[in-house]
Amino acid sequence: MENTKEMEKDTMQQPDELEIDLWEIFLVLLHNLALIISVGIMVALGAFLVTQLFGVPQYESTTKIYILNKQENNAVTYSDIQLGTQLTKDYAELIQSRFVLEEVVQGMGLDLSYEEIAKKVSVTTPTDTRILAITVTDTDPVTAMQMANAIREAAAVHIMNVMDIQAVNVSETANMPMKKASPSVLKNTLIGGMAGIFLMIIVILIRFLMDDTVKTPEDVEKYLQLSTLAVIPLNEGEPDGKKKKKKVKRG
């Protein structure tokens, strides 16, 4: 008796194990494939409409400068080129400094704070070069071009004064952006479609894993460890498994 009680106690303490059949999951997803694709298309269409109707176009204009740490009229040496490469990060910080950006705001008469204009400006350096690319993003392409050129001019003077160098040359003036840089309708549509498909798959899997109802004789043997003696087929004329009541006439 004691051994039986201990065995029952151990059985009760064991956590229920959940067996996941990958093939069964695949069949469930395949069965709901039309629903998954439909939801993905609907979400993609929603992302397309939102981007097209409510997305604010952003334009990018880029200007480039070449900086060389050359002193006075001396010939350019390898050490000058190497030092110029190492100092590009310092130059980038000077370009985005408060002094330069606030001077541009005042010179162009922009209604922007330093924090607002700083979010519009980015400075990048191609690998192993002494070229700095100044990119300005704005809702107006003309303003973006004018701001980029103004920042380049103000930054060139500031860099020469602070770093005590003589060569800050224009490599490329700011361009007039003809196409918007963002938002991308195609990109957002694809992301929306993939997100809809992914979320629908998660919902279907959660419903499948949380469903513990017994549907087939195999489920009875799998979950209840019992053998089925017989299976009563569902009458095709009975909707939703409900039996029709028959009236019995008494004589």
C-alpha atoms as a PDB file:
ATOM      1  CA  MET A   1       0.000   0.000   0.000  1.00  0.00           C
ATOM      2  CA  GLU A   2       2.766   2.411   0.917  1.00  0.00           C
ATOM      3  CA  ASN A   3       4.602   1.686  -2.338  1.00  0.00           C
ATOM      4  CA  THR A   4       1.392   2.319  -4.286  1.00  0.00           C
ATOM      5  CA  LYS A   5       0.847   5.646  -2.562  1.00  0.00           C
ATOM      6  CA  GLU A   6       4.439   6.693  -3.241  1.00  0.00           C
ATOM      7  CA  MET A   7       4.086   5.815  -6.913  1.00  0.00           C
ATOM      8  CA  GLU A   8       0.848   7.805  -7.155  1.00  0.00           C
ATOM      9  CA  LYS A   9       2.528  10.741  -5.402  1.00  0.00           C
ATOM     10  CA  ASP A  10       5.477  10.649  -7.800  1.00  0.00           C
ATOM     11  CA  THR A  11       3.102  10.505 -10.741  1.00  0.00           C
ATOM     12  CA  MET A  12       1.191  13.531  -9.488  1.00  0.00           C
ATOM     13  CA  GLN A  13       4.432  15.495  -9.009  1.00  0.00           C
ATOM     14  CA  GLN A  14       5.601  14.871 -12.565  1.00  0.00           C
ATOM     15  CA  PRO A  15       4.778  17.831 -14.837  1.00  0.00           C
ATOM     16  CA  ASP A  16       2.687  17.251 -17.914  1.00  0.00           C
ATOM     17  CA  GLU A  17       4.837  16.835 -20.977  1.00  0.00           C
ATOM     18  CA  LEU A  18       3.839  18.490 -24.214  1.00  0.00           C
ATOM     19  CA  GLU A  19       4.827  16.592 -27.328  1.00  0.00           C
ATOM     20  CA  ILE A  20       5.017  18.660 -30.472  1.00  0.00           C
ATOM     21  CA  ASP A  21       4.676  16.897 -33.791  1.00  0.00           C
ATOM     22  CA  LEU A  22       6.402  18.997 -36.445  1.00  0.00           C
ATOM     23  CA  TRP A  23       4.588  17.216 -39.240  1.00  0.00           C
ATOM     24  CA  GLU A  24       1.267  17.905 -37.563  1.00  0.00           C
ATOM     25  CA  ILE A  25       2.202  21.578 -37.205  1.00  0.00           C
ATOM     26  CA  PHE A  26       3.129  21.670 -40.880  1.00  0.00           C
ATOM     27  CA  LEU A  27      -0.252  20.195 -41.816  1.00  0.00           C
ATOM     28  CA  VAL A  28      -2.042  22.748 -39.634  1.00  0.00           C
ATOM     29  CA  LEU A  29      -0.189  25.619 -41.309  1.00  0.00           C
ATOM     30  CA  LEU A  30      -0.814  24.108 -44.720  1.00  0.00           C
ATOM     31  CA  HIS A  31      -4.517  23.781 -43.928  1.00  0.00           C
ATOM     32  CA  ASN A  32      -4.620  27.495 -42.978  1.00  0.00           C
ATOM     33  CA  LEU A  33      -2.376  28.619 -45.828  1.00  0.00           C
ATOM     34  CA  ALA A  34      -5.113  30.575 -47.564  1.00  0.00           C
ATOM     35  CA  LEU A  35      -5.930  32.428 -44.347  1.00  0.00           C
ATOM     36  CA  ILE A  36      -2.258  33.214 -43.696  1.00  0.00           C
ATOM     37  CA  ILE A  37      -1.747  34.598 -47.197  1.00  0.00           C
ATOM     38  CA  SER A  38      -4.997  36.581 -47.046  1.00  0.00           C
ATOM     39  CA  VAL A  39      -3.981  38.265 -43.773  1.00  0.00           C
ATOM     40  CA  GLY A  40      -0.525  39.006 -45.171  1.00  0.00           C
ATOM     41  CA  ILE A  41      -2.040  40.661 -48.247  1.00  0.00           C
ATOM     42  CA  MET A  42      -4.465  42.698 -46.130  1.00  0.00           C
ATOM     43  CA  VAL A  43      -1.721  43.974 -43.818  1.00  0.00           C
ATOM     44  CA  ALA A  44       0.543  44.727 -46.794  1.00  0.00           C
ATOM     45  CA  LEU A  45      -2.286  46.684 -48.421  1.00  0.00           C
ATOM     46  CA  GLY A  46      -2.832  48.591 -45.169  1.00  0.00           C
ATOM     47  CA  ALA A  47       0.872  49.449 -44.939  1.00  0.00           C
ATOM     48  CA  PHE A  48       0.806  50.598 -48.567  1.00  0.00           C
ATOM     49  CA  LEU A  49      -2.179  52.884 -47.998  1.00  0.00           C
ATOM     50  CA  VAL A  50      -0.807  54.342 -44.757  1.00  0.00           C
ATOM     51  CA  THR A  51       2.580  55.050 -46.357  1.00  0.00           C
ATOM     52  CA  GLN A  52       1.023  56.504 -49.487  1.00  0.00           C
ATOM     53  CA  LEU A  53      -1.549  58.680 -47.737  1.00  0.00           C
ATOM     54  CA  PHE A  54       0.121  59.672 -44.471  1.00  0.00           C
ATOM     55  CA  GLY A  55       3.853  59.254 -45.116  1.00  0.00           C
ATOM     56  CA  VAL A  56       5.755  62.547 -45.190  1.00  0.00           C
ATOM     57  CA  PRO A  57       8.311  62.564 -48.059  1.00  0.00           C
ATOM     58  CA  GLN A  58      11.901  63.148 -46.980  1.00  0.00           C
ATOM     59  CA  TYR A  59      14.628  64.316 -49.395  1.00  0.00           C
ATOM     60  CA  GLU A  60      18.384  63.967 -48.970  1.00  0.00           C
ATOM     61  CA  SER A  61      21.043  66.263 -50.380  1.00  0.00           C
ATOM     62  CA  THR A  62      24.754  65.512 -50.006  1.00  0.00           C
ATOM     63  CA  THR A  63      27.853  67.645 -50.339  1.00  0.00           C
ATOM     64  CA  LYS A  64      31.434  66.449 -49.913  1.00  0.00           C
ATOM     65  CA  ILE A  65      34.605  68.137 -48.749  1.00  0.00           C
ATOM     66  CA  TYR A  66      38.234  67.046 -48.907  1.00  0.00           C
ATOM     67  CA  ILE A  67      40.357  67.882 -45.891  1.00  0.00           C
ATOM     68  CA  LEU A  68      44.150  67.824 -45.932  1.00  0.00           C
ATOM     69  CA  ASN A  69      46.352  68.672 -42.972  1.00  0.00           C
ATOM     70  CA  LYS A  70      48.768  70.796 -45.034  1.00  0.00           C
ATOM     71  CA  GLN A  71      50.748  73.547 -43.335  1.00  0.00           C
ATOM     72  CA  GLU A  72      51.380  76.810 -45.214  1.00  0.00           C
ATOM     73  CA  ASN A  73      52.999  76.264 -48.639  1.00  0.00           C
ATOM     74  CA  ASN A  74      54.928  73.118 -47.809  1.00  0.00           C
ATOM     75  CA  ALA A  75      54.671  70.119 -50.109  1.00  0.00           C
ATOM     76  CA  VAL A  76      52.163  67.471 -49.209  1.00  0.00           C
ATOM     77  CA  THR A  77      53.790  64.559 -47.411  1.00  0.00           C
ATOM     78  CA  TYR A  78      52.608  61.060 -46.533  1.00  0.00           C
ATOM     79  CA  SER A  79      52.408  62.066 -42.876  1.00  0.00           C
ATOM     80  CA  ASP A  80      50.012  64.902 -43.829  1.00  0.00           C
ATOM     81  CA  ILE A  81      47.745  62.450 -45.630  1.00  0.00           C
ATOM     82  CA  GLN A  82      47.899  59.930 -42.778  1.00  0.00           C
ATOM     83  CA  LEU A  83      47.150  62.579 -40.171  1.00  0.00           C
ATOM     84  CA  GLY A  84      44.247  63.874 -42.234  1.00  0.00           C
ATOM     85  CA  THR A  85      42.757  60.369 -42.307  1.00  0.00           C
ATOM     86  CA  GLN A  86      43.069  59.974 -38.545  1.00  0.00           C
ATOM     87  CA  LEU A  87      41.413  63.337 -37.866  1.00  0.00           C
ATOM     88  CA  THR A  88      38.289  62.804 -39.961  1.00  0.00           C
ATOM     89  CA  LYS A  89      36.257  61.968 -36.831  1.00  0.00           C
ATOM     90  CA  ASP A  90      37.338  65.252 -35.293  1.00  0.00           C
ATOM     91  CA  TYR A  91      36.286  67.078 -38.438  1.00  0.00           C
ATOM     92  CA  ALA A  92      32.894  65.335 -38.367  1.00  0.00           C
ATOM     93  CA  GLU A  93      32.320  66.536 -34.808  1.00  0.00           C
ATOM     94  CA  LEU A  94      33.224  70.084 -35.794  1.00  0.00           C
ATOM     95  CA  ILE A  95      30.799  70.004 -38.727  1.00  0.00           C
ATOM     96  CA  GLN A  96      27.947  68.976 -36.413  1.00  0.00           C
ATOM     97  CA  SER A  97      28.962  71.379 -33.660  1.00  0.00           C
ATOM     98  CA  ARG A  98      26.553  73.907 -32.208  1.00  0.00           C
ATOM     99  CA  PHE A  99      28.648  76.791 -33.562  1.00  0.00           C
ATOM    100  CA  VAL A 100      28.329  75.657 -37.198  1.00  0.00           C
ATOM    101  CA  LEU A 101      24.681  74.613 -37.104  1.00  0.00           C
ATOM    102  CA  GLU A 102      23.457  77.706 -35.266  1.00  0.00           C
ATOM    103  CA  GLU A 103      25.366  79.894 -37.712  1.00  0.00           C
ATOM    104  CA  VAL A 104      23.543  78.152 -40.575  1.00  0.00           C
ATOM    105  CA  VAL A 105      20.186  78.643 -38.860  1.00  0.00           C
ATOM    106  CA  GLN A 106      20.828  82.352 -38.418  1.00  0.00           C
ATOM    107  CA  GLY A 107      22.275  82.804 -41.903  1.00  0.00           C
ATOM    108  CA  MET A 108      19.329  81.107 -43.630  1.00  0.00           C
ATOM    109  CA  GLY A 109      16.710  82.459 -41.238  1.00  0.00           C
ATOM    110  CA  LEU A 110      15.427  79.001 -40.354  1.00  0.00           C
ATOM    111  CA  ASP A 111      12.894  78.474 -37.592  1.00  0.00           C
ATOM    112  CA  LEU A 112      14.833  75.561 -36.115  1.00  0.00           C
ATOM    113  CA  SER A 113      16.588  74.905 -32.826  1.00  0.00           C
ATOM    114  CA  TYR A 114      20.028  73.333 -32.618  1.00  0.00           C
ATOM    115  CA  GLU A 115      18.527  69.977 -31.652  1.00  0.00           C
ATOM    116  CA  GLU A 116      16.099  70.043 -34.595  1.00  0.00           C
ATOM    117  CA  ILE A 117      18.691  70.871 -37.227  1.00  0.00           C
ATOM    118  CA  ALA A 118      21.161  68.389 -35.725  1.00  0.00           C
ATOM    119  CA  LYS A 119      18.657  65.572 -36.414  1.00  0.00           C
ATOM    120  CA  LYS A 120      18.618  66.563 -40.073  1.00  0.00           C
ATOM    121  CA  VAL A 121      22.402  66.417 -40.525  1.00  0.00           C
ATOM    122  CA  SER A 122      24.625  63.347 -40.791  1.00  0.00           C
ATOM    123  CA  VAL A 123      28.336  63.152 -41.580  1.00  0.00           C
ATOM    124  CA  THR A 124      29.953  60.017 -42.998  1.00  0.00           C
ATOM    125  CA  THR A 125      33.451  59.146 -44.145  1.00  0.00           C
ATOM    126  CA  PRO A 126      34.128  56.577 -46.873  1.00  0.00           C
ATOM    127  CA  THR A 127      36.650  53.985 -45.739  1.00  0.00           C
ATOM    128  CA  ASP A 128      40.336  54.954 -46.052  1.00  0.00           C
ATOM    129  CA  THR A 129      39.598  58.429 -47.435  1.00  0.00           C
ATOM    130  CA  ARG A 130      39.872  62.021 -46.267  1.00  0.00           C
ATOM    131  CA  ILE A 131      36.515  62.922 -47.795  1.00  0.00           C
ATOM    132  CA  LEU A 132      33.613  63.900 -45.552  1.00  0.00           C
ATOM    133  CA  ALA A 133      30.070  63.555 -46.896  1.00  0.00           C
ATOM    134  CA  ILE A 134      27.579  65.977 -45.328  1.00  0.00           C
ATOM    135  CA  THR A 135      23.984  64.811 -45.844  1.00  0.00           C
ATOM    136  CA  VAL A 136      20.943  66.902 -44.970  1.00  0.00           C
ATOM    137  CA  THR A 137      17.407  65.467 -44.825  1.00  0.00           C
ATOM    138  CA  ASP A 138      14.365  67.694 -45.179  1.00  0.00           C
ATOM    139  CA  THR A 139      10.799  67.624 -46.450  1.00  0.00           C
ATOM    140  CA  ASP A 140      11.687  70.267 -49.070  1.00  0.00           C
ATOM    141  CA  PRO A 141      14.378  69.291 -51.624  1.00  0.00           C
ATOM    142  CA  VAL A 142      15.456  72.892 -52.220  1.00  0.00           C
ATOM    143  CA  THR A 143      15.874  73.551 -48.498  1.00  0.00           C
ATOM    144  CA  ALA A 144      17.856  70.334 -48.126  1.00  0.00           C
ATOM    145  CA  MET A 145      20.275  71.413 -50.868  1.00  0.00           C
ATOM    146  CA  GLN A 146      20.661  74.941 -49.504  1.00  0.00           C
ATOM    147  CA  MET A 147      21.237  73.713 -45.950  1.00  0.00           C
ATOM    148  CA  ALA A 148      23.888  71.221 -47.083  1.00  0.00           C
ATOM    149  CA  ASN A 149      25.842  73.910 -48.969  1.00  0.00           C
ATOM    150  CA  ALA A 150      25.501  76.360 -46.078  1.00  0.00           C
ATOM    151  CA  ILE A 151      26.756  73.807 -43.563  1.00  0.00           C
ATOM    152  CA  ARG A 152      29.704  72.962 -45.802  1.00  0.00           C
ATOM    153  CA  GLU A 153      30.737  76.606 -46.104  1.00  0.00           C
ATOM    154  CA  ALA A 154      30.364  77.353 -42.396  1.00  0.00           C
ATOM    155  CA  ALA A 155      32.120  74.122 -41.408  1.00  0.00           C
ATOM    156  CA  ALA A 156      35.069  74.768 -43.725  1.00  0.00           C
ATOM    157  CA  VAL A 157      35.831  78.079 -42.030  1.00  0.00           C
ATOM    158  CA  HIS A 158      35.324  76.612 -38.552  1.00  0.00           C
ATOM    159  CA  ILE A 159      37.594  73.631 -39.248  1.00  0.00           C
ATOM    160  CA  MET A 160      40.403  75.789 -40.593  1.00  0.00           C
ATOM    161  CA  ASN A 161      40.226  78.086 -37.555  1.00  0.00           C
ATOM    162  CA  VAL A 162      40.076  75.326 -34.953  1.00  0.00           C
ATOM    163  CA  MET A 163      42.457  72.791 -36.526  1.00  0.00           C
ATOM    164  CA  ASP A 164      44.821  75.455 -37.941  1.00  0.00           C
ATOM    165  CA  ILE A 165      44.868  73.964 -41.429  1.00  0.00           C
ATOM    166  CA  GLN A 166      44.738  75.637 -44.815  1.00  0.00           C
ATOM    167  CA  ALA A 167      43.164  73.084 -47.136  1.00  0.00           C
ATOM    168  CA  VAL A 168      39.433  72.383 -46.933  1.00  0.00           C
ATOM    169  CA  ASN A 169      38.396  71.841 -50.525  1.00  0.00           C
ATOM    170  CA  VAL A 170      34.983  71.232 -52.040  1.00  0.00           C
ATOM    171  CA  SER A 171      34.861  67.749 -53.500  1.00  0.00           C
ATOM    172  CA  GLU A 172      31.201  67.848 -54.514  1.00  0.00           C
ATOM    173  CA  THR A 173      28.513  70.486 -54.126  1.00  0.00           C
ATOM    174  CA  ALA A 174      25.077  69.598 -52.804  1.00  0.00           C
ATOM    175  CA  ASN A 175      22.737  68.067 -55.355  1.00  0.00           C
ATOM    176  CA  MET A 176      19.083  68.789 -55.973  1.00  0.00           C
ATOM    177  CA  PRO A 177      17.267  65.612 -54.858  1.00  0.00           C
ATOM    178  CA  MET A 178      14.679  64.595 -57.441  1.00  0.00           C
ATOM    179  CA  LYS A 179      13.428  61.471 -55.680  1.00  0.00           C
ATOM    180  CA  LYS A 180      12.378  61.119 -52.077  1.00  0.00           C
ATOM    181  CA  ALA A 181      14.676  59.119 -49.841  1.00  0.00           C
ATOM    182  CA  SER A 182      11.925  57.978 -47.503  1.00  0.00           C
ATOM    183  CA  PRO A 183       9.474  56.595 -46.732  1.00  0.00           C
ATOM    184  CA  SER A 184       9.811  53.687 -49.155  1.00  0.00           C
ATOM    185  CA  VAL A 185       6.378  52.461 -50.236  1.00  0.00           C
ATOM    186  CA  LEU A 186       7.746  49.150 -51.519  1.00  0.00           C
ATOM    187  CA  LYS A 187       9.805  48.509 -48.394  1.00  0.00           C
ATOM    188  CA  ASN A 188       6.961  49.296 -46.005  1.00  0.00           C
ATOM    189  CA  THR A 189       4.540  47.177 -48.047  1.00  0.00           C
ATOM    190  CA  LEU A 190       6.871  44.176 -47.942  1.00  0.00           C
ATOM    191  CA  ILE A 191       7.497  44.620 -44.227  1.00  0.00           C
ATOM    192  CA  GLY A 192       3.760  44.883 -43.570  1.00  0.00           C
ATOM    193  CA  GLY A 193       3.055  41.729 -45.574  1.00  0.00           C
ATOM    194  CA  MET A 194       5.764  39.733 -43.806  1.00  0.00           C
ATOM    195  CA  ALA A 195       4.607  41.004 -40.407  1.00  0.00           C
ATOM    196  CA  GLY A 196       1.009  39.992 -41.154  1.00  0.00           C
ATOM    197  CA  ILE A 197       2.055  36.493 -42.218  1.00  0.00           C
ATOM    198  CA  PHE A 198       4.324  36.072 -39.191  1.00  0.00           C
ATOM    199  CA  LEU A 199       1.672  37.223 -36.705  1.00  0.00           C
ATOM    200  CA  MET A 200      -0.984  34.995 -38.280  1.00  0.00           C
ATOM    201  CA  ILE A 201       1.324  31.975 -38.053  1.00  0.00           C
ATOM    202  CA  ILE A 202       1.910  32.724 -34.361  1.00  0.00           C
ATOM    203  CA  VAL A 203      -1.839  33.000 -33.712  1.00  0.00           C
ATOM    204  CA  ILE A 204      -2.531  29.694 -35.484  1.00  0.00           C
ATOM    205  CA  LEU A 205       0.266  27.911 -33.610  1.00  0.00           C
ATOM    206  CA  ILE A 206      -0.898  29.245 -30.243  1.00  0.00           C
ATOM    207  CA  ARG A 207      -4.460  28.117 -30.921  1.00  0.00           C
ATOM    208  CA  PHE A 208      -3.197  24.715 -32.038  1.00  0.00           C
ATOM    209  CA  LEU A 209      -0.956  24.214 -28.992  1.00  0.00           C
ATOM    210  CA  MET A 210      -3.621  25.418 -26.555  1.00  0.00           C
ATOM    211  CA  ASP A 211      -6.306  23.179 -28.048  1.00  0.00           C
ATOM    212  CA  ASP A 212      -6.476  20.054 -25.869  1.00  0.00           C
ATOM    213  CA  THR A 213      -9.742  18.681 -27.177  1.00  0.00           C
ATOM    214  CA  VAL A 214      -9.879  15.073 -28.351  1.00  0.00           C
ATOM    215  CA  LYS A 215     -10.853  14.855 -31.994  1.00  0.00           C
ATOM    216  CA  THR A 216      -9.734  11.453 -33.295  1.00  0.00           C
ATOM    217  CA  PRO A 217      -9.282   7.911 -31.956  1.00  0.00           C
ATOM    218  CA  GLU A 218      -5.546   8.485 -32.201  1.00  0.00           C
ATOM    219  CA  ASP A 219      -5.918  11.421 -29.779  1.00  0.00           C
ATOM    220  CA  VAL A 220      -7.688   9.132 -27.304  1.00  0.00           C
ATOM    221  CA  GLU A 221      -4.817   6.673 -27.361  1.00  0.00           C
ATOM    222  CA  LYS A 222      -2.216   9.457 -27.294  1.00  0.00           C
ATOM    223  CA  TYR A 223      -3.548  11.575 -24.435  1.00  0.00           C
ATOM    224  CA  LEU A 224      -5.721   9.174 -22.405  1.00  0.00           C
ATOM    225  CA  GLN A 225      -3.787   5.933 -22.995  1.00  0.00           C
ATOM    226  CA  LEU A 226      -7.090   4.194 -23.739  1.00  0.00           C
ATOM    227  CA  SER A 227      -8.133   2.022 -26.633  1.00  0.00           C
ATOM    228  CA  THR A 228     -11.280   2.824 -28.561  1.00  0.00           C
ATOM    229  CA  LEU A 229     -13.728  -0.017 -28.984  1.00  0.00           C
ATOM    230  CA  ALA A 230     -15.784   1.560 -31.728  1.00  0.00           C
ATOM    231  CA  VAL A 231     -16.292   4.777 -33.671  1.00  0.00           C
ATOM    232  CA  ILE A 232     -19.756   6.167 -34.334  1.00  0.00           C
ATOM    233  CA  PRO A 233     -19.788   7.941 -37.696  1.00  0.00           C
ATOM    234  CA  LEU A 234     -21.460  11.321 -37.918  1.00  0.00           C
ATOM    235  CA  ASN A 235     -24.649  11.380 -39.916  1.00  0.00           C
ATOM    236  CA  GLU A 236     -24.093  13.689 -42.870  1.00  0.00           C
ATOM    237  CA  GLY A 237     -27.650  14.978 -42.578  1.00  0.00           C
ATOM    238  CA  GLU A 238     -27.095  16.167 -38.999  1.00  0.00           C
ATOM    239  CA  PRO A 239     -25.562  19.655 -38.934  1.00  0.00           C
ATOM    240  CA  ASP A 240     -22.851  20.425 -36.341  1.00  0.00           C
ATOM    241  CA  GLY A 241     -23.167  16.969 -34.809  1.00  0.00           C
ATOM    242  CA  LYS A 242     -26.625  17.616 -33.363  1.00  0.00           C
ATOM    243  CA  LYS A 243     -29.034  14.778 -33.490  1.00  0.00           C
ATOM    244  CA  LYS A 244     -32.485  15.318 -34.847  1.00  0.00           C
ATOM    245  CA  LYS A 245     -35.282  14.445 -32.501  1.00  0.00           C
ATOM    246  CA  LYS A 246     -37.862  12.017 -33.808  1.00  0.00           C
ATOM    247  CA  LYS A 247     -41.484  12.160 -32.757  1.00  0.00           C
ATOM    248  CA  VAL A 248     -42.939   8.874 -31.617  1.00  0.00           C
ATOM    249  CA  LYS A 249     -46.648   8.336 -32.112  1.00  0.00           C
ATOM    250  CA  ARG A 250     -48.428   6.314 -29.476  1.00  0.00           C
ATOM    251  CA  GLY A 251     -51.335   4.204 -30.513  1.00  0.00           C
END
